[in-house]
Amino acid sequence: MRENLTGQRFGRLVAIHEVRREGEAFYRWHCQCDCGKKTSVPTTSALTSGDSRSCGCLRSEVVSKGRKKHGCSYGSKLYSLWKSMRKRCNAKNNPEYKNYGGRGITICSEWDDFAVFAKWAEETGYKDGLGLRRLDNDGPFSPSNCKWAVSGGGGYFPRFLTHNGVTKSVREWAKELGCSPWVLTMRLDKLDWSVEKTVTTPVRHKKPNRWRTEHEET
């Protein structure tokens, strides 16, 4: 059953009705933009994932304000980061959805508008190579709960875990335990361990081969 978006807002767009053109296998959404124009969005997921937020006027405004030279235009790394954030929280088919939207992580309404997010980024010292860190790992993506931190690269948002009031990245917890970050990720996602069990259970290291050790000593 297709999702009914009639009357719902997505950025500057409000969904009016769904149609399917002759010869097309998919349905489109006719939407009203805040600027007064009407537009057609190809798919439901384009709206719910955040790919379509206006009729195109938002893109023009951001570029015209000269944000391009500051790395805040459409097509920039910051825009890719913003889209990745939205997909992780809103797109159920995204591989990372289970770690974000799937466990209740949301995005504040003002960040539905990329121009607003870009302005906040400029004012808080964004530069390429940084990612968003949520201060409260169970809290939303919002100005009061986010700051810039070194990114894992490729638009990756570092994953942070909180135990006994202490928040560290998976990489930092792994270093403390003397293991690979992959081990902690496997505990959380594959074994479904709690955060407490994940960061407090010692890592078993393989014992050296006794025969090989004795042989090398002779």
N, C-alpha and C. Protein backbone atom coordinates (compact mmCIF):
# COMPACT_ATOMS: atom_id res chain seq x y z
N MET A 1 0.84 -1.20 0.00
CA MET A 1 0.00 0.00 0.00
C MET A 1 0.88 1.25 0.00
N ARG A 2 0.60 2.16 -0.93
CA ARG A 2 1.42 3.37 -1.04
C ARG A 2 1.08 4.34 0.09
N GLU A 3 2.11 5.07 0.50
CA GLU A 3 1.95 6.04 1.58
C GLU A 3 1.22 7.29 1.09
N ASN A 4 0.23 7.74 1.85
CA ASN A 4 -0.54 8.93 1.48
C ASN A 4 0.10 10.15 2.12
N LEU A 5 0.63 11.04 1.28
CA LEU A 5 1.32 12.23 1.78
C LEU A 5 0.49 13.50 1.65
N THR A 6 -0.74 13.37 1.22
CA THR A 6 -1.59 14.54 0.96
C THR A 6 -1.64 15.49 2.17
N GLY A 7 -1.31 16.77 1.91
CA GLY A 7 -1.35 17.77 2.96
C GLY A 7 -0.10 17.86 3.81
N GLN A 8 0.82 16.93 3.63
CA GLN A 8 2.04 16.96 4.44
C GLN A 8 3.07 17.91 3.83
N ARG A 9 3.88 18.49 4.71
CA ARG A 9 4.90 19.45 4.28
C ARG A 9 6.27 18.79 4.24
N PHE A 10 7.03 19.13 3.19
CA PHE A 10 8.39 18.65 3.04
C PHE A 10 9.25 19.84 2.61
N GLY A 11 9.87 20.50 3.60
CA GLY A 11 10.61 21.72 3.29
C GLY A 11 9.65 22.81 2.86
N ARG A 12 9.79 23.28 1.63
CA ARG A 12 8.89 24.31 1.10
C ARG A 12 7.73 23.73 0.32
N LEU A 13 7.68 22.43 0.21
CA LEU A 13 6.64 21.78 -0.59
C LEU A 13 5.54 21.20 0.29
N VAL A 14 4.30 21.34 -0.20
CA VAL A 14 3.15 20.70 0.43
C VAL A 14 2.54 19.77 -0.61
N ALA A 15 2.42 18.48 -0.29
CA ALA A 15 1.89 17.50 -1.22
C ALA A 15 0.39 17.74 -1.45
N ILE A 16 -0.02 17.81 -2.73
CA ILE A 16 -1.42 18.06 -3.07
C ILE A 16 -2.14 16.76 -3.41
N HIS A 17 -1.66 16.09 -4.45
CA HIS A 17 -2.27 14.81 -4.81
C HIS A 17 -1.29 13.99 -5.64
N GLU A 18 -1.57 12.69 -5.72
CA GLU A 18 -0.72 11.75 -6.43
C GLU A 18 -1.31 11.44 -7.80
N VAL A 19 -0.47 11.36 -8.81
CA VAL A 19 -0.95 11.05 -10.16
C VAL A 19 0.03 10.10 -10.84
N ARG A 20 -0.48 9.42 -11.85
CA ARG A 20 0.40 8.59 -12.67
C ARG A 20 0.13 8.90 -14.14
N ARG A 21 1.19 9.34 -14.81
CA ARG A 21 1.05 9.70 -16.20
C ARG A 21 0.93 8.46 -17.08
N GLU A 22 0.26 8.62 -18.19
CA GLU A 22 0.06 7.51 -19.11
C GLU A 22 1.41 6.98 -19.59
N GLY A 23 1.56 5.69 -19.48
CA GLY A 23 2.79 5.06 -19.93
C GLY A 23 3.86 4.94 -18.87
N GLU A 24 3.65 5.59 -17.72
CA GLU A 24 4.63 5.53 -16.64
C GLU A 24 4.25 4.45 -15.63
N ALA A 25 5.26 3.78 -15.08
CA ALA A 25 5.01 2.71 -14.13
C ALA A 25 4.99 3.20 -12.69
N PHE A 26 5.29 4.48 -12.48
CA PHE A 26 5.37 5.00 -11.12
C PHE A 26 4.45 6.20 -10.95
N TYR A 27 4.18 6.53 -9.69
CA TYR A 27 3.31 7.66 -9.36
C TYR A 27 4.15 8.89 -9.02
N ARG A 28 3.64 10.04 -9.37
CA ARG A 28 4.26 11.32 -9.04
C ARG A 28 3.39 12.06 -8.03
N TRP A 29 4.03 13.00 -7.33
CA TRP A 29 3.28 13.85 -6.41
C TRP A 29 3.28 15.28 -6.93
N HIS A 30 2.07 15.83 -7.12
CA HIS A 30 1.96 17.25 -7.44
C HIS A 30 2.02 18.02 -6.12
N CYS A 31 2.89 19.04 -6.08
CA CYS A 31 3.11 19.78 -4.84
C CYS A 31 3.01 21.29 -5.07
N GLN A 32 2.65 21.98 -4.00
CA GLN A 32 2.61 23.44 -4.00
C GLN A 32 3.83 23.94 -3.25
N CYS A 33 4.62 24.82 -3.89
CA CYS A 33 5.80 25.38 -3.24
C CYS A 33 5.43 26.69 -2.56
N ASP A 34 6.14 27.03 -1.50
CA ASP A 34 5.87 28.26 -0.77
C ASP A 34 6.06 29.50 -1.64
N CYS A 35 6.86 29.39 -2.69
CA CYS A 35 7.10 30.55 -3.56
C CYS A 35 5.92 30.82 -4.48
N GLY A 36 4.93 29.91 -4.50
CA GLY A 36 3.75 30.09 -5.34
C GLY A 36 3.68 29.16 -6.53
N LYS A 37 4.77 28.55 -6.89
CA LYS A 37 4.80 27.64 -8.04
C LYS A 37 4.35 26.24 -7.65
N LYS A 38 3.83 25.52 -8.64
CA LYS A 38 3.49 24.12 -8.46
C LYS A 38 4.53 23.28 -9.18
N THR A 39 4.83 22.13 -8.63
CA THR A 39 5.85 21.27 -9.22
C THR A 39 5.46 19.82 -9.06
N SER A 40 6.08 18.95 -9.85
CA SER A 40 5.82 17.52 -9.80
C SER A 40 7.07 16.81 -9.31
N VAL A 41 6.92 16.03 -8.25
CA VAL A 41 8.03 15.28 -7.69
C VAL A 41 7.90 13.82 -8.13
N PRO A 42 8.95 13.25 -8.71
CA PRO A 42 8.87 11.93 -9.34
C PRO A 42 8.38 10.80 -8.44
N THR A 43 8.84 10.74 -7.20
CA THR A 43 8.49 9.60 -6.35
C THR A 43 8.22 10.05 -4.91
N THR A 44 7.54 9.18 -4.17
CA THR A 44 7.27 9.43 -2.75
C THR A 44 8.57 9.53 -1.96
N SER A 45 9.52 8.65 -2.25
CA SER A 45 10.78 8.64 -1.51
C SER A 45 11.58 9.92 -1.73
N ALA A 46 11.41 10.58 -2.88
CA ALA A 46 12.12 11.84 -3.13
C ALA A 46 11.69 12.90 -2.12
N LEU A 47 10.45 12.83 -1.67
CA LEU A 47 9.95 13.76 -0.67
C LEU A 47 10.36 13.34 0.73
N THR A 48 10.11 12.07 1.08
CA THR A 48 10.35 11.61 2.44
C THR A 48 11.84 11.55 2.79
N SER A 49 12.71 11.36 1.80
CA SER A 49 14.15 11.28 2.07
C SER A 49 14.81 12.64 2.13
N GLY A 50 14.10 13.68 1.66
CA GLY A 50 14.68 15.02 1.68
C GLY A 50 15.34 15.43 0.39
N ASP A 51 15.27 14.59 -0.66
CA ASP A 51 15.89 14.95 -1.94
C ASP A 51 15.18 16.13 -2.59
N SER A 52 13.87 16.22 -2.42
CA SER A 52 13.09 17.32 -3.00
C SER A 52 12.50 18.15 -1.88
N ARG A 53 12.95 19.44 -1.80
CA ARG A 53 12.49 20.31 -0.73
C ARG A 53 11.84 21.58 -1.24
N SER A 54 11.91 21.82 -2.55
CA SER A 54 11.30 23.01 -3.14
C SER A 54 11.14 22.77 -4.63
N CYS A 55 10.58 23.77 -5.33
CA CYS A 55 10.42 23.66 -6.78
C CYS A 55 11.73 23.95 -7.51
N GLY A 56 12.74 24.34 -6.77
CA GLY A 56 14.01 24.75 -7.34
C GLY A 56 14.42 26.12 -6.87
N CYS A 57 13.49 26.83 -6.24
CA CYS A 57 13.77 28.20 -5.78
C CYS A 57 14.79 28.22 -4.65
N LEU A 58 14.79 27.18 -3.81
CA LEU A 58 15.73 27.15 -2.70
C LEU A 58 17.16 27.05 -3.21
N ARG A 59 17.37 26.23 -4.20
CA ARG A 59 18.69 26.10 -4.80
C ARG A 59 19.18 27.44 -5.35
N SER A 60 18.29 28.14 -6.04
CA SER A 60 18.66 29.43 -6.63
C SER A 60 19.02 30.45 -5.57
N GLU A 61 18.27 30.46 -4.47
CA GLU A 61 18.53 31.41 -3.40
C GLU A 61 19.89 31.19 -2.75
N VAL A 62 20.21 29.90 -2.48
CA VAL A 62 21.47 29.60 -1.83
C VAL A 62 22.65 30.02 -2.70
N VAL A 63 22.56 29.71 -3.99
CA VAL A 63 23.64 30.07 -4.91
C VAL A 63 23.75 31.58 -5.04
N SER A 64 22.60 32.25 -5.14
CA SER A 64 22.62 33.70 -5.34
C SER A 64 23.17 34.45 -4.14
N LYS A 65 23.11 33.86 -2.97
CA LYS A 65 23.63 34.52 -1.78
C LYS A 65 25.14 34.37 -1.65
N GLY A 66 25.72 33.72 -2.64
CA GLY A 66 27.17 33.60 -2.65
C GLY A 66 27.72 32.55 -1.72
N ARG A 67 26.92 31.57 -1.36
CA ARG A 67 27.39 30.56 -0.43
C ARG A 67 28.36 29.59 -1.11
N LYS A 68 28.40 29.61 -2.41
CA LYS A 68 29.23 28.66 -3.11
C LYS A 68 30.70 28.79 -2.72
N LYS A 69 31.19 30.01 -2.60
CA LYS A 69 32.60 30.20 -2.28
C LYS A 69 32.93 29.79 -0.85
N HIS A 70 31.90 29.62 -0.03
CA HIS A 70 32.11 29.18 1.35
C HIS A 70 31.88 27.69 1.51
N GLY A 71 31.65 26.98 0.39
CA GLY A 71 31.42 25.55 0.46
C GLY A 71 30.04 25.17 0.92
N CYS A 72 29.07 26.08 0.80
CA CYS A 72 27.72 25.82 1.31
C CYS A 72 26.68 25.75 0.21
N SER A 73 27.09 25.57 -1.04
CA SER A 73 26.12 25.51 -2.13
C SER A 73 25.66 24.09 -2.37
N TYR A 74 24.61 23.95 -3.19
CA TYR A 74 24.17 22.64 -3.62
C TYR A 74 25.31 22.00 -4.39
N GLY A 75 25.52 20.71 -4.20
CA GLY A 75 26.60 20.02 -4.86
C GLY A 75 27.88 20.04 -4.05
N SER A 76 27.91 20.80 -2.94
CA SER A 76 29.10 20.88 -2.09
C SER A 76 29.15 19.69 -1.14
N LYS A 77 30.27 19.56 -0.43
CA LYS A 77 30.41 18.49 0.56
C LYS A 77 29.43 18.71 1.70
N LEU A 78 29.17 19.96 2.04
CA LEU A 78 28.22 20.24 3.12
C LEU A 78 26.82 19.79 2.73
N TYR A 79 26.45 20.03 1.47
CA TYR A 79 25.13 19.61 1.01
C TYR A 79 25.02 18.09 1.02
N SER A 80 26.09 17.40 0.61
CA SER A 80 26.10 15.93 0.63
C SER A 80 25.96 15.43 2.06
N LEU A 81 26.62 16.12 2.99
CA LEU A 81 26.53 15.76 4.40
C LEU A 81 25.10 15.93 4.90
N TRP A 82 24.47 17.04 4.51
CA TRP A 82 23.07 17.31 4.92
C TRP A 82 22.13 16.24 4.37
N LYS A 83 22.32 15.87 3.10
CA LYS A 83 21.47 14.84 2.49
C LYS A 83 21.68 13.50 3.18
N SER A 84 22.93 13.18 3.50
CA SER A 84 23.22 11.92 4.17
C SER A 84 22.54 11.87 5.53
N MET A 85 22.58 12.98 6.27
CA MET A 85 21.92 13.06 7.57
C MET A 85 20.43 12.78 7.43
N ARG A 86 19.81 13.39 6.44
CA ARG A 86 18.37 13.24 6.25
C ARG A 86 18.00 11.81 5.86
N LYS A 87 18.81 11.21 5.00
CA LYS A 87 18.51 9.85 4.56
C LYS A 87 18.65 8.86 5.71
N ARG A 88 19.64 9.07 6.57
CA ARG A 88 19.85 8.18 7.70
C ARG A 88 18.66 8.23 8.67
N CYS A 89 18.02 9.38 8.76
CA CYS A 89 16.91 9.54 9.70
C CYS A 89 15.55 9.29 9.06
N ASN A 90 15.42 9.48 7.76
CA ASN A 90 14.10 9.46 7.13
C ASN A 90 13.86 8.34 6.13
N ALA A 91 14.92 7.86 5.48
CA ALA A 91 14.75 6.85 4.42
C ALA A 91 14.90 5.44 4.98
N LYS A 92 13.80 4.71 5.07
CA LYS A 92 13.83 3.38 5.68
C LYS A 92 14.67 2.39 4.89
N ASN A 93 14.92 2.68 3.62
CA ASN A 93 15.73 1.77 2.81
C ASN A 93 17.22 2.08 2.90
N ASN A 94 17.58 3.10 3.68
CA ASN A 94 18.99 3.44 3.84
C ASN A 94 19.64 2.44 4.80
N PRO A 95 20.85 1.95 4.48
CA PRO A 95 21.52 0.95 5.32
C PRO A 95 21.74 1.40 6.77
N GLU A 96 21.86 2.73 6.98
CA GLU A 96 22.12 3.24 8.33
C GLU A 96 20.85 3.66 9.06
N TYR A 97 19.68 3.48 8.42
CA TYR A 97 18.43 3.92 9.04
C TYR A 97 18.20 3.28 10.41
N LYS A 98 18.57 2.00 10.55
CA LYS A 98 18.32 1.30 11.81
C LYS A 98 19.07 1.95 12.98
N ASN A 99 20.21 2.59 12.69
CA ASN A 99 21.00 3.22 13.75
C ASN A 99 20.59 4.66 14.02
N TYR A 100 19.69 5.20 13.19
CA TYR A 100 19.28 6.60 13.33
C TYR A 100 17.75 6.68 13.41
N GLY A 101 17.07 6.87 12.28
CA GLY A 101 15.63 6.98 12.31
C GLY A 101 14.96 5.77 12.93
N GLY A 102 15.54 4.60 12.70
CA GLY A 102 14.97 3.36 13.22
C GLY A 102 14.97 3.28 14.72
N ARG A 103 15.82 4.05 15.38
CA ARG A 103 15.81 4.05 16.85
C ARG A 103 15.39 5.40 17.41
N GLY A 104 14.69 6.17 16.58
CA GLY A 104 14.07 7.39 17.09
C GLY A 104 14.87 8.66 16.95
N ILE A 105 15.99 8.64 16.23
CA ILE A 105 16.77 9.86 16.05
C ILE A 105 16.09 10.72 14.98
N THR A 106 15.81 11.97 15.31
CA THR A 106 15.09 12.87 14.41
C THR A 106 15.97 14.08 14.04
N ILE A 107 15.44 14.91 13.14
CA ILE A 107 16.11 16.14 12.73
C ILE A 107 15.18 17.30 13.05
N CYS A 108 15.69 18.35 13.64
CA CYS A 108 14.84 19.49 13.99
C CYS A 108 14.22 20.09 12.74
N SER A 109 13.04 20.66 12.88
CA SER A 109 12.28 21.15 11.73
C SER A 109 13.00 22.26 10.97
N GLU A 110 13.78 23.11 11.67
CA GLU A 110 14.45 24.21 10.97
C GLU A 110 15.52 23.71 10.01
N TRP A 111 16.06 22.53 10.28
CA TRP A 111 17.06 21.96 9.38
C TRP A 111 16.45 21.23 8.20
N ASP A 112 15.13 21.28 8.05
CA ASP A 112 14.50 20.81 6.82
C ASP A 112 14.91 21.70 5.66
N ASP A 113 15.29 22.92 5.96
CA ASP A 113 15.71 23.91 4.96
C ASP A 113 17.24 23.92 4.92
N PHE A 114 17.81 23.52 3.79
CA PHE A 114 19.27 23.47 3.68
C PHE A 114 19.91 24.84 3.90
N ALA A 115 19.26 25.90 3.45
CA ALA A 115 19.81 27.24 3.61
C ALA A 115 20.00 27.58 5.09
N VAL A 116 19.06 27.16 5.93
CA VAL A 116 19.16 27.40 7.37
C VAL A 116 20.31 26.58 7.95
N PHE A 117 20.39 25.31 7.53
CA PHE A 117 21.47 24.45 8.00
C PHE A 117 22.83 25.00 7.57
N ALA A 118 22.93 25.49 6.32
CA ALA A 118 24.19 26.03 5.80
C ALA A 118 24.61 27.28 6.58
N LYS A 119 23.64 28.11 6.93
CA LYS A 119 23.93 29.32 7.69
C LYS A 119 24.48 28.95 9.07
N TRP A 120 23.84 27.97 9.72
CA TRP A 120 24.33 27.51 11.02
C TRP A 120 25.74 26.94 10.89
N ALA A 121 25.98 26.21 9.80
CA ALA A 121 27.30 25.60 9.59
C ALA A 121 28.38 26.67 9.48
N GLU A 122 28.09 27.72 8.73
CA GLU A 122 29.06 28.81 8.57
C GLU A 122 29.34 29.50 9.91
N GLU A 123 28.30 29.70 10.69
CA GLU A 123 28.44 30.42 11.95
C GLU A 123 29.14 29.60 13.03
N THR A 124 29.18 28.28 12.86
CA THR A 124 29.77 27.42 13.89
C THR A 124 31.10 26.81 13.46
N GLY A 125 31.69 27.34 12.37
CA GLY A 125 33.04 26.94 12.01
C GLY A 125 33.18 25.71 11.15
N TYR A 126 32.16 25.42 10.33
CA TYR A 126 32.27 24.24 9.46
C TYR A 126 33.39 24.41 8.44
N LYS A 127 34.08 23.31 8.16
CA LYS A 127 35.03 23.24 7.05
C LYS A 127 35.05 21.79 6.56
N ASP A 128 35.45 21.60 5.31
CA ASP A 128 35.49 20.25 4.74
C ASP A 128 36.34 19.33 5.61
N GLY A 129 35.85 18.11 5.78
CA GLY A 129 36.57 17.14 6.61
C GLY A 129 35.94 16.95 7.98
N LEU A 130 34.97 17.82 8.31
CA LEU A 130 34.28 17.70 9.59
C LEU A 130 32.93 17.02 9.42
N GLY A 131 32.46 16.41 10.47
CA GLY A 131 31.15 15.79 10.48
C GLY A 131 30.38 16.25 11.69
N LEU A 132 29.09 15.95 11.74
CA LEU A 132 28.26 16.36 12.87
C LEU A 132 28.35 15.36 14.01
N ARG A 133 28.63 15.87 15.18
CA ARG A 133 28.63 15.03 16.37
C ARG A 133 27.46 15.44 17.25
N ARG A 134 26.61 14.48 17.60
CA ARG A 134 25.51 14.75 18.52
C ARG A 134 26.03 14.59 19.95
N LEU A 135 25.84 15.60 20.77
CA LEU A 135 26.32 15.57 22.15
C LEU A 135 25.59 14.49 22.96
N ASP A 136 24.29 14.40 22.74
CA ASP A 136 23.49 13.32 23.34
C ASP A 136 23.25 12.30 22.24
N ASN A 137 23.83 11.11 22.38
CA ASN A 137 23.75 10.10 21.32
C ASN A 137 22.33 9.66 21.05
N ASP A 138 21.42 9.88 21.98
CA ASP A 138 20.02 9.52 21.78
C ASP A 138 19.16 10.73 21.42
N GLY A 139 19.80 11.89 21.29
CA GLY A 139 19.08 13.11 20.98
C GLY A 139 19.03 13.39 19.48
N PRO A 140 18.35 14.45 19.07
CA PRO A 140 18.15 14.76 17.66
C PRO A 140 19.34 15.49 17.03
N PHE A 141 19.29 15.62 15.72
CA PHE A 141 20.20 16.51 15.01
C PHE A 141 19.58 17.90 15.12
N SER A 142 20.19 18.77 15.90
CA SER A 142 19.67 20.12 16.12
C SER A 142 20.82 21.02 16.55
N PRO A 143 20.67 22.33 16.42
CA PRO A 143 21.74 23.25 16.81
C PRO A 143 22.21 23.07 18.25
N SER A 144 21.30 22.80 19.16
CA SER A 144 21.66 22.68 20.57
C SER A 144 22.30 21.34 20.92
N ASN A 145 22.19 20.36 20.02
CA ASN A 145 22.71 19.02 20.32
C ASN A 145 23.83 18.60 19.38
N CYS A 146 24.32 19.53 18.56
CA CYS A 146 25.34 19.16 17.59
C CYS A 146 26.54 20.10 17.61
N LYS A 147 27.67 19.55 17.28
CA LYS A 147 28.86 20.37 17.06
C LYS A 147 29.70 19.67 15.99
N TRP A 148 30.68 20.38 15.45
CA TRP A 148 31.51 19.82 14.39
C TRP A 148 32.67 19.04 15.00
N ALA A 149 32.96 17.87 14.41
CA ALA A 149 34.07 17.05 14.86
C ALA A 149 34.71 16.41 13.64
N VAL A 150 35.90 15.86 13.82
CA VAL A 150 36.59 15.22 12.69
C VAL A 150 35.74 14.06 12.19
N SER A 151 35.49 14.05 10.90
CA SER A 151 34.63 13.05 10.28
C SER A 151 35.41 11.81 9.92
N GLY A 152 34.67 10.71 9.78
CA GLY A 152 35.31 9.47 9.35
C GLY A 152 35.56 9.46 7.86
N GLY A 153 35.12 10.51 7.16
CA GLY A 153 35.36 10.59 5.72
C GLY A 153 34.15 10.09 4.94
N GLY A 154 34.03 10.55 3.70
CA GLY A 154 32.97 10.08 2.82
C GLY A 154 31.58 10.42 3.30
N GLY A 155 31.43 11.50 4.08
CA GLY A 155 30.10 11.85 4.57
C GLY A 155 29.68 11.05 5.79
N TYR A 156 30.62 10.28 6.34
CA TYR A 156 30.33 9.43 7.49
C TYR A 156 30.18 10.25 8.77
N PHE A 157 29.13 9.97 9.52
CA PHE A 157 28.95 10.61 10.82
C PHE A 157 29.52 9.68 11.89
N PRO A 158 30.55 10.13 12.62
CA PRO A 158 31.12 9.28 13.66
C PRO A 158 30.04 8.82 14.64
N ARG A 159 30.09 7.58 15.04
CA ARG A 159 29.11 7.03 15.96
C ARG A 159 29.62 7.19 17.38
N PHE A 160 28.78 7.71 18.26
CA PHE A 160 29.18 7.96 19.64
C PHE A 160 28.32 7.14 20.59
N LEU A 161 28.96 6.65 21.64
CA LEU A 161 28.28 5.84 22.64
C LEU A 161 28.45 6.49 24.01
N THR A 162 27.38 6.48 24.80
CA THR A 162 27.42 7.08 26.14
C THR A 162 27.24 6.00 27.20
N HIS A 163 28.18 5.95 28.16
CA HIS A 163 28.12 4.99 29.25
C HIS A 163 28.53 5.69 30.54
N ASN A 164 27.70 5.58 31.56
CA ASN A 164 27.96 6.24 32.86
C ASN A 164 28.23 7.73 32.70
N GLY A 165 27.51 8.37 31.80
CA GLY A 165 27.65 9.81 31.61
C GLY A 165 28.84 10.23 30.77
N VAL A 166 29.59 9.27 30.26
CA VAL A 166 30.76 9.57 29.43
C VAL A 166 30.46 9.23 27.98
N THR A 167 30.65 10.22 27.07
CA THR A 167 30.39 10.01 25.66
C THR A 167 31.70 9.99 24.88
N LYS A 168 31.90 8.92 24.13
CA LYS A 168 33.09 8.78 23.29
C LYS A 168 32.68 8.16 21.96
N SER A 169 33.52 8.35 20.96
CA SER A 169 33.26 7.72 19.68
C SER A 169 33.56 6.22 19.79
N VAL A 170 33.02 5.45 18.85
CA VAL A 170 33.31 4.01 18.83
C VAL A 170 34.81 3.78 18.74
N ARG A 171 35.48 4.62 17.96
CA ARG A 171 36.94 4.48 17.81
C ARG A 171 37.65 4.70 19.16
N GLU A 172 37.18 5.68 19.93
CA GLU A 172 37.80 5.97 21.22
C GLU A 172 37.56 4.84 22.23
N TRP A 173 36.31 4.31 22.25
CA TRP A 173 36.02 3.18 23.14
C TRP A 173 36.87 1.97 22.75
N ALA A 174 37.02 1.75 21.45
CA ALA A 174 37.80 0.60 20.97
C ALA A 174 39.26 0.72 21.39
N LYS A 175 39.80 1.93 21.30
CA LYS A 175 41.18 2.16 21.70
C LYS A 175 41.36 1.85 23.19
N GLU A 176 40.37 2.22 23.99
CA GLU A 176 40.43 1.97 25.43
C GLU A 176 40.42 0.48 25.73
N LEU A 177 39.65 -0.29 24.92
CA LEU A 177 39.55 -1.73 25.12
C LEU A 177 40.68 -2.49 24.43
N GLY A 178 41.43 -1.79 23.56
CA GLY A 178 42.51 -2.44 22.84
C GLY A 178 42.04 -3.34 21.74
N CYS A 179 41.01 -2.88 21.01
CA CYS A 179 40.47 -3.69 19.92
C CYS A 179 40.14 -2.81 18.73
N SER A 180 39.66 -3.43 17.67
CA SER A 180 39.24 -2.70 16.48
C SER A 180 37.84 -2.13 16.68
N PRO A 181 37.54 -0.93 16.12
CA PRO A 181 36.18 -0.39 16.19
C PRO A 181 35.15 -1.36 15.62
N TRP A 182 35.59 -2.18 14.66
CA TRP A 182 34.69 -3.16 14.05
C TRP A 182 34.12 -4.12 15.09
N VAL A 183 34.93 -4.48 16.10
CA VAL A 183 34.48 -5.40 17.14
C VAL A 183 33.28 -4.81 17.89
N LEU A 184 33.36 -3.53 18.23
CA LEU A 184 32.27 -2.88 18.97
C LEU A 184 31.03 -2.73 18.09
N THR A 185 31.25 -2.40 16.83
CA THR A 185 30.13 -2.28 15.90
C THR A 185 29.41 -3.61 15.74
N MET A 186 30.17 -4.70 15.67
CA MET A 186 29.57 -6.03 15.56
C MET A 186 28.76 -6.37 16.80
N ARG A 187 29.29 -6.00 17.98
CA ARG A 187 28.57 -6.26 19.21
C ARG A 187 27.21 -5.54 19.23
N LEU A 188 27.21 -4.31 18.76
CA LEU A 188 25.98 -3.51 18.78
C LEU A 188 24.98 -3.97 17.73
N ASP A 189 25.46 -4.13 16.48
CA ASP A 189 24.56 -4.36 15.36
C ASP A 189 24.28 -5.83 15.06
N LYS A 190 25.27 -6.68 15.22
CA LYS A 190 25.10 -8.09 14.91
C LYS A 190 24.64 -8.90 16.12
N LEU A 191 25.24 -8.63 17.27
CA LEU A 191 24.90 -9.38 18.48
C LEU A 191 23.81 -8.71 19.30
N ASP A 192 23.47 -7.44 18.94
CA ASP A 192 22.42 -6.69 19.63
C ASP A 192 22.73 -6.50 21.11
N TRP A 193 24.00 -6.23 21.44
CA TRP A 193 24.38 -5.98 22.82
C TRP A 193 23.98 -4.57 23.23
N SER A 194 23.81 -4.36 24.51
CA SER A 194 23.56 -3.02 25.04
C SER A 194 24.86 -2.23 24.99
N VAL A 195 24.76 -0.89 25.11
CA VAL A 195 25.97 -0.07 25.10
C VAL A 195 26.86 -0.44 26.28
N GLU A 196 26.25 -0.65 27.45
CA GLU A 196 27.03 -0.98 28.65
C GLU A 196 27.83 -2.26 28.45
N LYS A 197 27.17 -3.29 27.94
CA LYS A 197 27.86 -4.56 27.73
C LYS A 197 28.94 -4.43 26.66
N THR A 198 28.66 -3.62 25.65
CA THR A 198 29.59 -3.44 24.54
C THR A 198 30.90 -2.82 24.99
N VAL A 199 30.82 -1.78 25.83
CA VAL A 199 32.03 -1.04 26.19
C VAL A 199 32.69 -1.53 27.47
N THR A 200 32.07 -2.49 28.18
CA THR A 200 32.67 -2.98 29.43
C THR A 200 33.16 -4.42 29.33
N THR A 201 32.74 -5.14 28.31
CA THR A 201 33.19 -6.53 28.16
C THR A 201 34.59 -6.58 27.57
N PRO A 202 35.54 -7.17 28.29
CA PRO A 202 36.91 -7.25 27.77
C PRO A 202 36.96 -8.01 26.45
N VAL A 203 37.93 -7.67 25.64
CA VAL A 203 38.12 -8.34 24.36
C VAL A 203 39.09 -9.49 24.53
N ARG A 204 38.69 -10.66 24.05
CA ARG A 204 39.57 -11.83 24.13
C ARG A 204 40.57 -11.79 22.99
N HIS A 205 41.83 -11.77 23.33
CA HIS A 205 42.88 -11.78 22.31
C HIS A 205 43.39 -13.21 22.14
N LYS A 206 43.66 -13.58 20.92
CA LYS A 206 44.14 -14.93 20.64
C LYS A 206 45.49 -15.17 21.30
N LYS A 207 45.63 -16.37 21.93
CA LYS A 207 46.90 -16.71 22.54
C LYS A 207 47.91 -17.06 21.46
N PRO A 208 49.17 -16.71 21.67
CA PRO A 208 50.19 -17.04 20.67
C PRO A 208 50.38 -18.53 20.55
N ASN A 209 50.77 -18.98 19.39
CA ASN A 209 51.02 -20.39 19.15
C ASN A 209 52.21 -20.84 19.99
N ARG A 210 51.96 -21.76 20.95
CA ARG A 210 53.01 -22.15 21.90
C ARG A 210 54.20 -22.78 21.20
N TRP A 211 53.92 -23.68 20.24
CA TRP A 211 55.03 -24.36 19.55
C TRP A 211 55.86 -23.36 18.78
N ARG A 212 55.17 -22.38 18.09
CA ARG A 212 55.90 -21.41 17.30
C ARG A 212 56.76 -20.52 18.19
N THR A 213 56.23 -20.14 19.36
CA THR A 213 56.98 -19.30 20.28
C THR A 213 58.24 -20.00 20.78
N GLU A 214 58.07 -21.28 21.20
CA GLU A 214 59.20 -22.03 21.71
C GLU A 214 60.24 -22.26 20.62
N HIS A 215 59.75 -22.51 19.39
CA HIS A 215 60.64 -22.76 18.27
C HIS A 215 61.47 -21.52 17.94
N GLU A 216 60.83 -20.34 18.01
CA GLU A 216 61.52 -19.11 17.68
C GLU A 216 62.55 -18.75 18.74
N GLU A 217 62.34 -19.24 20.00
CA GLU A 217 63.26 -18.92 21.07
C GLU A 217 64.52 -19.77 21.06
N THR A 218 64.45 -20.91 20.34
CA THR A 218 65.60 -21.81 20.30
C THR A 218 66.57 -21.44 19.22
